[in-house]
Amino acid sequence: MAHCKECGRSLTKDEIALHKKIYNRGAEEFFCIDCSSRYLDVSVDLLRQKIVEFKKMGCTLFEA
């Protein structure tokens, strides 16, 4: 199980996929959604909306 590189919280598959989509597809360390929102200075809700959008677009990073 992967953990956030900032706070150490366990990550979901969607959080890992979001990190890869936003920062670096080849990343091996990841931010949780809360730390990503702070780093990017955007709301957690916006990032959750982006996850839904990326899934609807068919982004393969978000496949189960």
N, C-alpha and C. Protein backbone atom coordinates (compact mmCIF):
# COMPACT_ATOMS: atom_id res chain seq x y z
N MET A 1 0.85 -1.19 0.00
CA MET A 1 0.00 0.00 0.00
C MET A 1 0.89 1.24 0.00
N ALA A 2 0.61 2.15 -0.90
CA ALA A 2 1.37 3.40 -1.00
C ALA A 2 0.88 4.40 0.04
N HIS A 3 1.78 5.29 0.43
CA HIS A 3 1.46 6.32 1.41
C HIS A 3 1.85 7.70 0.87
N CYS A 4 1.15 8.72 1.32
CA CYS A 4 1.44 10.10 0.91
C CYS A 4 2.86 10.48 1.31
N LYS A 5 3.58 11.08 0.36
CA LYS A 5 4.96 11.47 0.64
C LYS A 5 5.05 12.68 1.56
N GLU A 6 3.93 13.36 1.77
CA GLU A 6 3.91 14.54 2.63
C GLU A 6 3.44 14.20 4.05
N CYS A 7 2.28 13.54 4.16
CA CYS A 7 1.68 13.31 5.49
C CYS A 7 1.70 11.85 5.93
N GLY A 8 1.97 10.93 5.02
CA GLY A 8 2.08 9.52 5.38
C GLY A 8 0.78 8.73 5.36
N ARG A 9 -0.33 9.38 5.00
CA ARG A 9 -1.63 8.69 4.97
C ARG A 9 -1.66 7.66 3.85
N SER A 10 -2.37 6.55 4.08
CA SER A 10 -2.56 5.53 3.03
C SER A 10 -3.33 6.14 1.86
N LEU A 11 -2.96 5.75 0.65
CA LEU A 11 -3.54 6.33 -0.56
C LEU A 11 -4.53 5.39 -1.22
N THR A 12 -5.52 5.99 -1.87
CA THR A 12 -6.46 5.23 -2.70
C THR A 12 -5.88 5.13 -4.11
N LYS A 13 -6.45 4.23 -4.91
CA LYS A 13 -6.03 4.11 -6.31
C LYS A 13 -6.28 5.41 -7.06
N ASP A 14 -7.39 6.07 -6.76
CA ASP A 14 -7.70 7.34 -7.44
C ASP A 14 -6.70 8.43 -7.09
N GLU A 15 -6.23 8.47 -5.84
CA GLU A 15 -5.24 9.47 -5.44
C GLU A 15 -3.92 9.24 -6.17
N ILE A 16 -3.53 7.99 -6.30
CA ILE A 16 -2.30 7.67 -7.02
C ILE A 16 -2.44 8.05 -8.50
N ALA A 17 -3.58 7.71 -9.08
CA ALA A 17 -3.83 8.05 -10.49
C ALA A 17 -3.85 9.56 -10.70
N LEU A 18 -4.48 10.29 -9.77
CA LEU A 18 -4.54 11.75 -9.88
C LEU A 18 -3.14 12.34 -9.84
N HIS A 19 -2.32 11.86 -8.92
CA HIS A 19 -0.95 12.36 -8.81
C HIS A 19 -0.20 12.13 -10.13
N LYS A 20 -0.33 10.93 -10.68
CA LYS A 20 0.35 10.62 -11.94
C LYS A 20 -0.16 11.50 -13.07
N LYS A 21 -1.46 11.75 -13.10
CA LYS A 21 -2.06 12.57 -14.17
C LYS A 21 -1.59 14.03 -14.07
N ILE A 22 -1.53 14.56 -12.86
CA ILE A 22 -1.22 15.98 -12.67
C ILE A 22 0.29 16.25 -12.67
N TYR A 23 1.05 15.43 -11.97
CA TYR A 23 2.46 15.74 -11.75
C TYR A 23 3.42 15.00 -12.67
N ASN A 24 3.31 13.66 -12.70
CA ASN A 24 4.31 12.88 -13.43
C ASN A 24 3.81 11.44 -13.56
N ARG A 25 3.60 11.04 -14.78
CA ARG A 25 3.07 9.69 -15.04
C ARG A 25 3.98 8.60 -14.48
N GLY A 26 5.26 8.86 -14.41
CA GLY A 26 6.23 7.87 -13.92
C GLY A 26 6.55 7.98 -12.44
N ALA A 27 5.79 8.77 -11.71
CA ALA A 27 6.07 9.00 -10.29
C ALA A 27 6.01 7.70 -9.49
N GLU A 28 6.84 7.62 -8.47
CA GLU A 28 6.84 6.48 -7.56
C GLU A 28 6.48 6.88 -6.14
N GLU A 29 6.39 8.18 -5.89
CA GLU A 29 5.92 8.72 -4.61
C GLU A 29 4.77 9.66 -4.94
N PHE A 30 3.80 9.73 -4.03
CA PHE A 30 2.56 10.41 -4.36
C PHE A 30 2.05 11.28 -3.22
N PHE A 31 1.25 12.32 -3.57
CA PHE A 31 0.51 13.12 -2.60
C PHE A 31 -0.89 12.54 -2.45
N CYS A 32 -1.44 12.61 -1.24
CA CYS A 32 -2.87 12.32 -1.05
C CYS A 32 -3.65 13.51 -1.60
N ILE A 33 -4.95 13.39 -1.68
CA ILE A 33 -5.76 14.46 -2.27
C ILE A 33 -5.70 15.73 -1.41
N ASP A 34 -5.60 15.58 -0.09
CA ASP A 34 -5.52 16.76 0.78
C ASP A 34 -4.20 17.51 0.58
N CYS A 35 -3.09 16.78 0.53
CA CYS A 35 -1.79 17.43 0.32
C CYS A 35 -1.68 18.00 -1.09
N SER A 36 -2.27 17.34 -2.07
CA SER A 36 -2.29 17.88 -3.44
C SER A 36 -3.05 19.20 -3.47
N SER A 37 -4.18 19.25 -2.78
CA SER A 37 -4.98 20.48 -2.80
C SER A 37 -4.21 21.63 -2.16
N ARG A 38 -3.49 21.35 -1.09
CA ARG A 38 -2.67 22.40 -0.46
C ARG A 38 -1.53 22.82 -1.38
N TYR A 39 -0.85 21.86 -1.99
CA TYR A 39 0.29 22.15 -2.86
C TYR A 39 -0.14 22.97 -4.07
N LEU A 40 -1.29 22.62 -4.64
CA LEU A 40 -1.79 23.30 -5.84
C LEU A 40 -2.64 24.53 -5.52
N ASP A 41 -2.97 24.72 -4.24
CA ASP A 41 -3.82 25.83 -3.79
C ASP A 41 -5.19 25.79 -4.48
N VAL A 42 -5.79 24.60 -4.48
CA VAL A 42 -7.14 24.41 -5.00
C VAL A 42 -7.92 23.58 -3.98
N SER A 43 -9.23 23.52 -4.14
CA SER A 43 -10.05 22.78 -3.18
C SER A 43 -9.99 21.27 -3.45
N VAL A 44 -10.24 20.51 -2.40
CA VAL A 44 -10.34 19.06 -2.53
C VAL A 44 -11.51 18.73 -3.45
N ASP A 45 -12.60 19.49 -3.34
CA ASP A 45 -13.77 19.26 -4.21
C ASP A 45 -13.40 19.39 -5.68
N LEU A 46 -12.59 20.38 -6.03
CA LEU A 46 -12.17 20.54 -7.42
C LEU A 46 -11.38 19.31 -7.88
N LEU A 47 -10.49 18.82 -7.04
CA LEU A 47 -9.71 17.64 -7.42
C LEU A 47 -10.61 16.42 -7.56
N ARG A 48 -11.62 16.29 -6.71
CA ARG A 48 -12.57 15.17 -6.84
C ARG A 48 -13.35 15.29 -8.16
N GLN A 49 -13.72 16.52 -8.53
CA GLN A 49 -14.40 16.73 -9.81
C GLN A 49 -13.49 16.33 -10.97
N LYS A 50 -12.21 16.65 -10.86
CA LYS A 50 -11.25 16.31 -11.91
C LYS A 50 -11.12 14.80 -12.05
N ILE A 51 -11.14 14.08 -10.93
CA ILE A 51 -11.08 12.61 -10.98
C ILE A 51 -12.25 12.08 -11.80
N VAL A 52 -13.45 12.61 -11.52
CA VAL A 52 -14.65 12.18 -12.26
C VAL A 52 -14.49 12.51 -13.74
N GLU A 53 -14.01 13.71 -14.06
CA GLU A 53 -13.81 14.11 -15.46
C GLU A 53 -12.81 13.20 -16.16
N PHE A 54 -11.69 12.92 -15.51
CA PHE A 54 -10.67 12.07 -16.12
C PHE A 54 -11.22 10.67 -16.37
N LYS A 55 -12.01 10.16 -15.44
CA LYS A 55 -12.62 8.83 -15.63
C LYS A 55 -13.58 8.85 -16.82
N LYS A 56 -14.40 9.91 -16.93
CA LYS A 56 -15.34 10.02 -18.04
C LYS A 56 -14.62 10.14 -19.38
N MET A 57 -13.45 10.77 -19.36
CA MET A 57 -12.64 10.91 -20.58
C MET A 57 -12.00 9.59 -20.99
N GLY A 58 -12.02 8.62 -20.07
CA GLY A 58 -11.42 7.33 -20.37
C GLY A 58 -9.95 7.22 -20.05
N CYS A 59 -9.45 8.10 -19.20
CA CYS A 59 -8.04 8.07 -18.82
C CYS A 59 -7.70 6.70 -18.22
N THR A 60 -6.73 6.04 -18.80
CA THR A 60 -6.38 4.68 -18.37
C THR A 60 -5.72 4.64 -17.00
N LEU A 61 -5.24 5.76 -16.49
CA LEU A 61 -4.65 5.78 -15.15
C LEU A 61 -5.70 5.48 -14.08
N PHE A 62 -6.96 5.74 -14.39
CA PHE A 62 -8.04 5.57 -13.41
C PHE A 62 -8.79 4.26 -13.56
N GLU A 63 -8.26 3.33 -14.33
CA GLU A 63 -8.91 2.04 -14.47
C GLU A 63 -8.64 1.20 -13.24
N ALA A 64 -9.60 0.36 -12.90
CA ALA A 64 -9.48 -0.49 -11.70
C ALA A 64 -8.41 -1.54 -11.84
